[in-house]
ModelCIF file with pLDDT and N, C-alpha, C, O atoms, coordinates in Angstrom:
data_MODEL
#
_entry.id   MODEL 
#
_entity.id                         1 
_entity.type                       polymer 
_entity.pdbx_number_of_molecules   1 
#
_entity_poly.entity_id                      1 
_entity_poly.type                           'polypeptide(L)' 
_entity_poly.nstd_linkage                   no 
_entity_poly.nstd_monomer                   no 
_entity_poly.pdbx_seq_one_letter_code       GDWMTEDFVPFTVTLEEADFGNAEGGTLVLKKDNPS 
_entity_poly.pdbx_seq_one_letter_code_can   GDWMTEDFVPFTVTLEEADFGNAEGGTLVLKKDNPS 
_entity_poly.pdbx_strand_id                 A 
#
loop_
_entity_poly_seq.entity_id 
_entity_poly_seq.num 
_entity_poly_seq.mon_id 
_entity_poly_seq.hetero 
1 1  GLY n 
1 2  ASP n 
1 3  TRP n 
1 4  MET n 
1 5  THR n 
1 6  GLU n 
1 7  ASP n 
1 8  PHE n 
1 9  VAL n 
1 10 PRO n 
1 11 PHE n 
1 12 THR n 
1 13 VAL n 
1 14 THR n 
1 15 LEU n 
1 16 GLU n 
1 17 GLU n 
1 18 ALA n 
1 19 ASP n 
1 20 PHE n 
1 21 GLY n 
1 22 ASN n 
1 23 ALA n 
1 24 GLU n 
1 25 GLY n 
1 26 GLY n 
1 27 THR n 
1 28 LEU n 
1 29 VAL n 
1 30 LEU n 
1 31 LYS n 
1 32 LYS n 
1 33 ASP n 
1 34 ASN n 
1 35 PRO n 
1 36 SER n 
#
_struct_asym.id          A 
_struct_asym.entity_id   1 
#
loop_
_ma_qa_metric.id 
_ma_qa_metric.mode 
_ma_qa_metric.name 
_ma_qa_metric.software_group_id 
_ma_qa_metric.type 
1 global pLDDT . pLDDT 
2 local  pLDDT . pLDDT 
#
_ma_qa_metric_global.metric_id      1 
_ma_qa_metric_global.metric_value   94.19 
_ma_qa_metric_global.model_id       1 
_ma_qa_metric_global.ordinal_id     1 
#
loop_
_ma_qa_metric_local.label_asym_id 
_ma_qa_metric_local.label_comp_id 
_ma_qa_metric_local.label_seq_id 
_ma_qa_metric_local.metric_id 
_ma_qa_metric_local.metric_value 
_ma_qa_metric_local.model_id 
_ma_qa_metric_local.ordinal_id 
A GLY 1  2 94.00 1 1  
A ASP 2  2 96.00 1 2  
A TRP 3  2 95.00 1 3  
A MET 4  2 96.00 1 4  
A THR 5  2 96.00 1 5  
A GLU 6  2 95.00 1 6  
A ASP 7  2 97.00 1 7  
A PHE 8  2 98.00 1 8  
A VAL 9  2 98.00 1 9  
A PRO 10 2 98.00 1 10 
A PHE 11 2 98.00 1 11 
A THR 12 2 97.00 1 12 
A VAL 13 2 96.00 1 13 
A THR 14 2 93.00 1 14 
A LEU 15 2 89.00 1 15 
A GLU 16 2 86.00 1 16 
A GLU 17 2 83.00 1 17 
A ALA 18 2 88.00 1 18 
A ASP 19 2 88.00 1 19 
A PHE 20 2 91.00 1 20 
A GLY 21 2 88.00 1 21 
A ASN 22 2 90.00 1 22 
A ALA 23 2 92.00 1 23 
A GLU 24 2 95.00 1 24 
A GLY 25 2 96.00 1 25 
A GLY 26 2 97.00 1 26 
A THR 27 2 97.00 1 27 
A LEU 28 2 97.00 1 28 
A VAL 29 2 97.00 1 29 
A LEU 30 2 98.00 1 30 
A LYS 31 2 97.00 1 31 
A LYS 32 2 97.00 1 32 
A ASP 33 2 97.00 1 33 
A ASN 34 2 95.00 1 34 
A PRO 35 2 93.00 1 35 
A SER 36 2 93.00 1 36 
#
loop_
_atom_site.group_PDB 
_atom_site.id 
_atom_site.type_symbol 
_atom_site.label_atom_id 
_atom_site.label_alt_id 
_atom_site.label_comp_id 
_atom_site.label_asym_id 
_atom_site.label_entity_id 
_atom_site.label_seq_id 
_atom_site.pdbx_PDB_ins_code 
_atom_site.Cartn_x 
_atom_site.Cartn_y 
_atom_site.Cartn_z 
_atom_site.occupancy 
_atom_site.B_iso_or_equiv 
_atom_site.pdbx_formal_charge 
_atom_site.auth_seq_id 
_atom_site.auth_comp_id 
_atom_site.auth_asym_id 
_atom_site.auth_atom_id 
_atom_site.pdbx_PDB_model_num 
ATOM 1   N N  . GLY A 1 1  ? 86.320 53.326 27.224 1.00 94.00 ? 1  GLY A N  1 
ATOM 2   C CA . GLY A 1 1  ? 85.715 54.787 27.636 1.00 94.00 ? 1  GLY A CA 1 
ATOM 3   C C  . GLY A 1 1  ? 86.367 54.981 29.010 1.00 94.00 ? 1  GLY A C  1 
ATOM 4   O O  . GLY A 1 1  ? 87.200 54.196 29.462 1.00 94.00 ? 1  GLY A O  1 
ATOM 5   N N  . ASP A 1 2  ? 85.971 55.977 29.585 1.00 96.00 ? 2  ASP A N  1 
ATOM 6   C CA . ASP A 1 2  ? 86.352 56.534 30.984 1.00 96.00 ? 2  ASP A CA 1 
ATOM 7   C C  . ASP A 1 2  ? 86.085 55.608 31.984 1.00 96.00 ? 2  ASP A C  1 
ATOM 8   O O  . ASP A 1 2  ? 84.915 55.457 32.335 1.00 96.00 ? 2  ASP A O  1 
ATOM 9   N N  . TRP A 1 3  ? 87.063 54.897 32.554 1.00 95.00 ? 3  TRP A N  1 
ATOM 10  C CA . TRP A 1 3  ? 86.881 53.898 33.633 1.00 95.00 ? 3  TRP A CA 1 
ATOM 11  C C  . TRP A 1 3  ? 86.912 54.598 34.995 1.00 95.00 ? 3  TRP A C  1 
ATOM 12  O O  . TRP A 1 3  ? 86.735 53.852 35.959 1.00 95.00 ? 3  TRP A O  1 
ATOM 13  N N  . MET A 1 4  ? 87.088 55.767 35.220 1.00 96.00 ? 4  MET A N  1 
ATOM 14  C CA . MET A 1 4  ? 87.192 56.441 36.401 1.00 96.00 ? 4  MET A CA 1 
ATOM 15  C C  . MET A 1 4  ? 85.797 56.849 36.767 1.00 96.00 ? 4  MET A C  1 
ATOM 16  O O  . MET A 1 4  ? 85.523 58.039 36.917 1.00 96.00 ? 4  MET A O  1 
ATOM 17  N N  . THR A 1 5  ? 84.876 55.868 36.920 1.00 96.00 ? 5  THR A N  1 
ATOM 18  C CA . THR A 1 5  ? 83.461 56.139 37.203 1.00 96.00 ? 5  THR A CA 1 
ATOM 19  C C  . THR A 1 5  ? 82.875 54.852 38.058 1.00 96.00 ? 5  THR A C  1 
ATOM 20  O O  . THR A 1 5  ? 83.544 53.828 38.194 1.00 96.00 ? 5  THR A O  1 
ATOM 21  N N  . GLU A 1 6  ? 81.779 54.988 38.526 1.00 95.00 ? 6  GLU A N  1 
ATOM 22  C CA . GLU A 1 6  ? 80.978 53.892 39.231 1.00 95.00 ? 6  GLU A CA 1 
ATOM 23  C C  . GLU A 1 6  ? 80.061 53.362 38.269 1.00 95.00 ? 6  GLU A C  1 
ATOM 24  O O  . GLU A 1 6  ? 79.362 52.407 38.610 1.00 95.00 ? 6  GLU A O  1 
ATOM 25  N N  . ASP A 1 7  ? 79.945 53.896 36.973 1.00 97.00 ? 7  ASP A N  1 
ATOM 26  C CA . ASP A 1 7  ? 78.927 53.528 35.983 1.00 97.00 ? 7  ASP A CA 1 
ATOM 27  C C  . ASP A 1 7  ? 79.458 52.368 35.190 1.00 97.00 ? 7  ASP A C  1 
ATOM 28  O O  . ASP A 1 7  ? 80.631 52.024 35.334 1.00 97.00 ? 7  ASP A O  1 
ATOM 29  N N  . PHE A 1 8  ? 78.649 51.749 34.358 1.00 98.00 ? 8  PHE A N  1 
ATOM 30  C CA . PHE A 1 8  ? 79.046 50.634 33.379 1.00 98.00 ? 8  PHE A CA 1 
ATOM 31  C C  . PHE A 1 8  ? 79.963 51.271 32.308 1.00 98.00 ? 8  PHE A C  1 
ATOM 32  O O  . PHE A 1 8  ? 79.645 52.338 31.784 1.00 98.00 ? 8  PHE A O  1 
ATOM 33  N N  . VAL A 1 9  ? 81.147 50.592 31.970 1.00 98.00 ? 9  VAL A N  1 
ATOM 34  C CA . VAL A 1 9  ? 81.958 51.098 30.911 1.00 98.00 ? 9  VAL A CA 1 
ATOM 35  C C  . VAL A 1 9  ? 82.298 49.901 29.933 1.00 98.00 ? 9  VAL A C  1 
ATOM 36  O O  . VAL A 1 9  ? 82.799 48.874 30.392 1.00 98.00 ? 9  VAL A O  1 
ATOM 37  N N  . PRO A 1 10 ? 82.072 50.012 28.816 1.00 98.00 ? 10 PRO A N  1 
ATOM 38  C CA . PRO A 1 10 ? 82.148 48.913 27.811 1.00 98.00 ? 10 PRO A CA 1 
ATOM 39  C C  . PRO A 1 10 ? 83.827 48.490 27.779 1.00 98.00 ? 10 PRO A C  1 
ATOM 40  O O  . PRO A 1 10 ? 84.782 49.260 27.873 1.00 98.00 ? 10 PRO A O  1 
ATOM 41  N N  . PHE A 1 11 ? 83.837 47.205 27.637 1.00 98.00 ? 11 PHE A N  1 
ATOM 42  C CA . PHE A 1 11 ? 85.206 46.580 27.548 1.00 98.00 ? 11 PHE A CA 1 
ATOM 43  C C  . PHE A 1 11 ? 85.343 45.599 26.307 1.00 98.00 ? 11 PHE A C  1 
ATOM 44  O O  . PHE A 1 11 ? 84.329 45.142 25.779 1.00 98.00 ? 11 PHE A O  1 
ATOM 45  N N  . THR A 1 12 ? 86.501 45.311 25.891 1.00 97.00 ? 12 THR A N  1 
ATOM 46  C CA . THR A 1 12 ? 86.711 44.369 24.889 1.00 97.00 ? 12 THR A CA 1 
ATOM 47  C C  . THR A 1 12 ? 88.111 43.748 25.032 1.00 97.00 ? 12 THR A C  1 
ATOM 48  O O  . THR A 1 12 ? 89.050 44.417 25.465 1.00 97.00 ? 12 THR A O  1 
ATOM 49  N N  . VAL A 1 13 ? 88.241 42.473 24.667 1.00 96.00 ? 13 VAL A N  1 
ATOM 50  C CA . VAL A 1 13 ? 89.533 41.764 24.646 1.00 96.00 ? 13 VAL A CA 1 
ATOM 51  C C  . VAL A 1 13 ? 89.384 40.638 23.576 1.00 96.00 ? 13 VAL A C  1 
ATOM 52  O O  . VAL A 1 13 ? 88.339 39.992 23.508 1.00 96.00 ? 13 VAL A O  1 
ATOM 53  N N  . THR A 1 14 ? 90.437 40.409 22.742 1.00 93.00 ? 14 THR A N  1 
ATOM 54  C CA . THR A 1 14 ? 90.667 39.399 21.895 1.00 93.00 ? 14 THR A CA 1 
ATOM 55  C C  . THR A 1 14 ? 91.581 38.455 22.274 1.00 93.00 ? 14 THR A C  1 
ATOM 56  O O  . THR A 1 14 ? 92.656 38.895 22.681 1.00 93.00 ? 14 THR A O  1 
ATOM 57  N N  . LEU A 1 15 ? 91.412 37.127 22.241 1.00 89.00 ? 15 LEU A N  1 
ATOM 58  C CA . LEU A 1 15 ? 92.217 36.066 22.854 1.00 89.00 ? 15 LEU A CA 1 
ATOM 59  C C  . LEU A 1 15 ? 93.335 35.764 21.712 1.00 89.00 ? 15 LEU A C  1 
ATOM 60  O O  . LEU A 1 15 ? 93.503 34.601 21.348 1.00 89.00 ? 15 LEU A O  1 
ATOM 61  N N  . GLU A 1 16 ? 94.030 36.734 21.199 1.00 86.00 ? 16 GLU A N  1 
ATOM 62  C CA . GLU A 1 16 ? 95.135 36.472 20.295 1.00 86.00 ? 16 GLU A CA 1 
ATOM 63  C C  . GLU A 1 16 ? 96.200 35.642 20.757 1.00 86.00 ? 16 GLU A C  1 
ATOM 64  O O  . GLU A 1 16 ? 96.732 35.818 21.852 1.00 86.00 ? 16 GLU A O  1 
ATOM 65  N N  . GLU A 1 17 ? 96.530 34.735 19.952 1.00 83.00 ? 17 GLU A N  1 
ATOM 66  C CA . GLU A 1 17 ? 97.555 33.786 20.262 1.00 83.00 ? 17 GLU A CA 1 
ATOM 67  C C  . GLU A 1 17 ? 97.251 32.761 21.447 1.00 83.00 ? 17 GLU A C  1 
ATOM 68  O O  . GLU A 1 17 ? 98.126 32.176 22.085 1.00 83.00 ? 17 GLU A O  1 
ATOM 69  N N  . ALA A 1 18 ? 95.830 32.629 21.651 1.00 88.00 ? 18 ALA A N  1 
ATOM 70  C CA . ALA A 1 18 ? 95.480 31.727 22.857 1.00 88.00 ? 18 ALA A CA 1 
ATOM 71  C C  . ALA A 1 18 ? 95.734 30.363 22.373 1.00 88.00 ? 18 ALA A C  1 
ATOM 72  O O  . ALA A 1 18 ? 95.573 30.069 21.189 1.00 88.00 ? 18 ALA A O  1 
ATOM 73  N N  . ASP A 1 19 ? 96.164 29.448 23.345 1.00 88.00 ? 19 ASP A N  1 
ATOM 74  C CA . ASP A 1 19 ? 96.290 28.083 23.010 1.00 88.00 ? 19 ASP A CA 1 
ATOM 75  C C  . ASP A 1 19 ? 95.569 27.285 24.057 1.00 88.00 ? 19 ASP A C  1 
ATOM 76  O O  . ASP A 1 19 ? 96.014 27.197 25.201 1.00 88.00 ? 19 ASP A O  1 
ATOM 77  N N  . PHE A 1 20 ? 94.410 26.676 23.654 1.00 91.00 ? 20 PHE A N  1 
ATOM 78  C CA . PHE A 1 20 ? 93.679 25.810 24.553 1.00 91.00 ? 20 PHE A CA 1 
ATOM 79  C C  . PHE A 1 20 ? 94.110 24.252 24.677 1.00 91.00 ? 20 PHE A C  1 
ATOM 80  O O  . PHE A 1 20 ? 93.497 23.402 25.323 1.00 91.00 ? 20 PHE A O  1 
ATOM 81  N N  . GLY A 1 21 ? 95.253 24.061 23.949 1.00 88.00 ? 21 GLY A N  1 
ATOM 82  C CA . GLY A 1 21 ? 95.729 22.723 24.052 1.00 88.00 ? 21 GLY A CA 1 
ATOM 83  C C  . GLY A 1 21 ? 94.664 21.728 23.492 1.00 88.00 ? 21 GLY A C  1 
ATOM 84  O O  . GLY A 1 21 ? 94.016 22.033 22.490 1.00 88.00 ? 21 GLY A O  1 
ATOM 85  N N  . ASN A 1 22 ? 94.493 20.618 24.094 1.00 90.00 ? 22 ASN A N  1 
ATOM 86  C CA . ASN A 1 22 ? 93.659 19.525 23.757 1.00 90.00 ? 22 ASN A CA 1 
ATOM 87  C C  . ASN A 1 22 ? 92.189 19.795 24.554 1.00 90.00 ? 22 ASN A C  1 
ATOM 88  O O  . ASN A 1 22 ? 91.208 19.094 24.303 1.00 90.00 ? 22 ASN A O  1 
ATOM 89  N N  . ALA A 1 23 ? 92.159 20.738 25.405 1.00 92.00 ? 23 ALA A N  1 
ATOM 90  C CA . ALA A 1 23 ? 90.950 20.941 26.074 1.00 92.00 ? 23 ALA A CA 1 
ATOM 91  C C  . ALA A 1 23 ? 89.730 21.183 25.233 1.00 92.00 ? 23 ALA A C  1 
ATOM 92  O O  . ALA A 1 23 ? 89.766 21.945 24.266 1.00 92.00 ? 23 ALA A O  1 
ATOM 93  N N  . GLU A 1 24 ? 88.718 20.574 25.578 1.00 95.00 ? 24 GLU A N  1 
ATOM 94  C CA . GLU A 1 24 ? 87.340 20.813 24.815 1.00 95.00 ? 24 GLU A CA 1 
ATOM 95  C C  . GLU A 1 24 ? 86.578 21.849 25.406 1.00 95.00 ? 24 GLU A C  1 
ATOM 96  O O  . GLU A 1 24 ? 85.895 22.514 24.627 1.00 95.00 ? 24 GLU A O  1 
ATOM 97  N N  . GLY A 1 25 ? 86.536 22.176 26.784 1.00 96.00 ? 25 GLY A N  1 
ATOM 98  C CA . GLY A 1 25 ? 85.843 23.165 27.490 1.00 96.00 ? 25 GLY A CA 1 
ATOM 99  C C  . GLY A 1 25 ? 86.502 23.520 28.789 1.00 96.00 ? 25 GLY A C  1 
ATOM 100 O O  . GLY A 1 25 ? 87.374 22.875 29.372 1.00 96.00 ? 25 GLY A O  1 
ATOM 101 N N  . GLY A 1 26 ? 85.931 24.678 29.158 1.00 97.00 ? 26 GLY A N  1 
ATOM 102 C CA . GLY A 1 26 ? 86.506 25.080 30.459 1.00 97.00 ? 26 GLY A CA 1 
ATOM 103 C C  . GLY A 1 26 ? 85.658 26.323 30.992 1.00 97.00 ? 26 GLY A C  1 
ATOM 104 O O  . GLY A 1 26 ? 84.429 26.325 30.922 1.00 97.00 ? 26 GLY A O  1 
ATOM 105 N N  . THR A 1 27 ? 86.426 27.430 31.554 1.00 97.00 ? 27 THR A N  1 
ATOM 106 C CA . THR A 1 27 ? 85.836 28.507 31.947 1.00 97.00 ? 27 THR A CA 1 
ATOM 107 C C  . THR A 1 27 ? 86.553 29.853 31.662 1.00 97.00 ? 27 THR A C  1 
ATOM 108 O O  . THR A 1 27 ? 87.769 29.963 31.822 1.00 97.00 ? 27 THR A O  1 
ATOM 109 N N  . LEU A 1 28 ? 85.816 30.812 31.263 1.00 97.00 ? 28 LEU A N  1 
ATOM 110 C CA . LEU A 1 28 ? 86.369 32.132 30.951 1.00 97.00 ? 28 LEU A CA 1 
ATOM 111 C C  . LEU A 1 28 ? 86.174 32.936 32.389 1.00 97.00 ? 28 LEU A C  1 
ATOM 112 O O  . LEU A 1 28 ? 85.065 33.008 32.918 1.00 97.00 ? 28 LEU A O  1 
ATOM 113 N N  . VAL A 1 29 ? 87.094 33.397 32.838 1.00 97.00 ? 29 VAL A N  1 
ATOM 114 C CA . VAL A 1 29 ? 87.088 34.069 34.029 1.00 97.00 ? 29 VAL A CA 1 
ATOM 115 C C  . VAL A 1 29 ? 87.457 35.561 33.901 1.00 97.00 ? 29 VAL A C  1 
ATOM 116 O O  . VAL A 1 29 ? 88.608 35.868 33.592 1.00 97.00 ? 29 VAL A O  1 
ATOM 117 N N  . LEU A 1 30 ? 86.582 36.429 34.114 1.00 98.00 ? 30 LEU A N  1 
ATOM 118 C CA . LEU A 1 30 ? 86.708 37.873 34.070 1.00 98.00 ? 30 LEU A CA 1 
ATOM 119 C C  . LEU A 1 30 ? 86.710 38.333 35.484 1.00 98.00 ? 30 LEU A C  1 
ATOM 120 O O  . LEU A 1 30 ? 85.683 38.444 36.153 1.00 98.00 ? 30 LEU A O  1 
ATOM 121 N N  . LYS A 1 31 ? 88.162 38.652 35.999 1.00 97.00 ? 31 LYS A N  1 
ATOM 122 C CA . LYS A 1 31 ? 88.392 38.971 37.289 1.00 97.00 ? 31 LYS A CA 1 
ATOM 123 C C  . LYS A 1 31 ? 88.561 40.403 37.553 1.00 97.00 ? 31 LYS A C  1 
ATOM 124 O O  . LYS A 1 31 ? 89.231 41.167 36.859 1.00 97.00 ? 31 LYS A O  1 
ATOM 125 N N  . LYS A 1 32 ? 87.880 40.721 38.645 1.00 97.00 ? 32 LYS A N  1 
ATOM 126 C CA . LYS A 1 32 ? 88.034 42.186 39.021 1.00 97.00 ? 32 LYS A CA 1 
ATOM 127 C C  . LYS A 1 32 ? 89.586 42.519 39.338 1.00 97.00 ? 32 LYS A C  1 
ATOM 128 O O  . LYS A 1 32 ? 90.310 41.683 39.879 1.00 97.00 ? 32 LYS A O  1 
ATOM 129 N N  . ASP A 1 33 ? 89.957 43.568 39.029 1.00 97.00 ? 33 ASP A N  1 
ATOM 130 C CA . ASP A 1 33 ? 91.350 43.935 39.029 1.00 97.00 ? 33 ASP A CA 1 
ATOM 131 C C  . ASP A 1 33 ? 91.479 44.322 40.652 1.00 97.00 ? 33 ASP A C  1 
ATOM 132 O O  . ASP A 1 33 ? 90.649 45.086 41.146 1.00 97.00 ? 33 ASP A O  1 
ATOM 133 N N  . ASN A 1 34 ? 92.401 43.841 41.336 1.00 95.00 ? 34 ASN A N  1 
ATOM 134 C CA . ASN A 1 34 ? 92.518 43.996 42.848 1.00 95.00 ? 34 ASN A CA 1 
ATOM 135 C C  . ASN A 1 34 ? 94.060 44.357 43.145 1.00 95.00 ? 34 ASN A C  1 
ATOM 136 O O  . ASN A 1 34 ? 94.843 43.500 43.556 1.00 95.00 ? 34 ASN A O  1 
ATOM 137 N N  . PRO A 1 35 ? 94.430 45.678 42.906 1.00 93.00 ? 35 PRO A N  1 
ATOM 138 C CA . PRO A 1 35 ? 95.843 45.929 43.069 1.00 93.00 ? 35 PRO A CA 1 
ATOM 139 C C  . PRO A 1 35 ? 96.030 45.922 44.676 1.00 93.00 ? 35 PRO A C  1 
ATOM 140 O O  . PRO A 1 35 ? 97.213 45.868 45.013 1.00 93.00 ? 35 PRO A O  1 
ATOM 141 N N  . SER A 1 36 ? 95.165 45.964 45.649 1.00 93.00 ? 36 SER A N  1 
ATOM 142 C CA . SER A 1 36 ? 95.425 45.863 46.986 1.00 93.00 ? 36 SER A CA 1 
ATOM 143 C C  . SER A 1 36 ? 95.775 44.517 47.471 1.00 93.00 ? 36 SER A C  1 
ATOM 144 O O  . SER A 1 36 ? 96.025 44.336 48.662 1.00 93.00 ? 36 SER A O  1 
#
């Protein structure tokens, strides 16, 4: 949706072609974009 707001905006992402190697677990990090 329109991200040029201070309101909540839905998001999605698919981990297509992700390779986790032999790792059993870890952390998903959703990082605020910081162009500055």
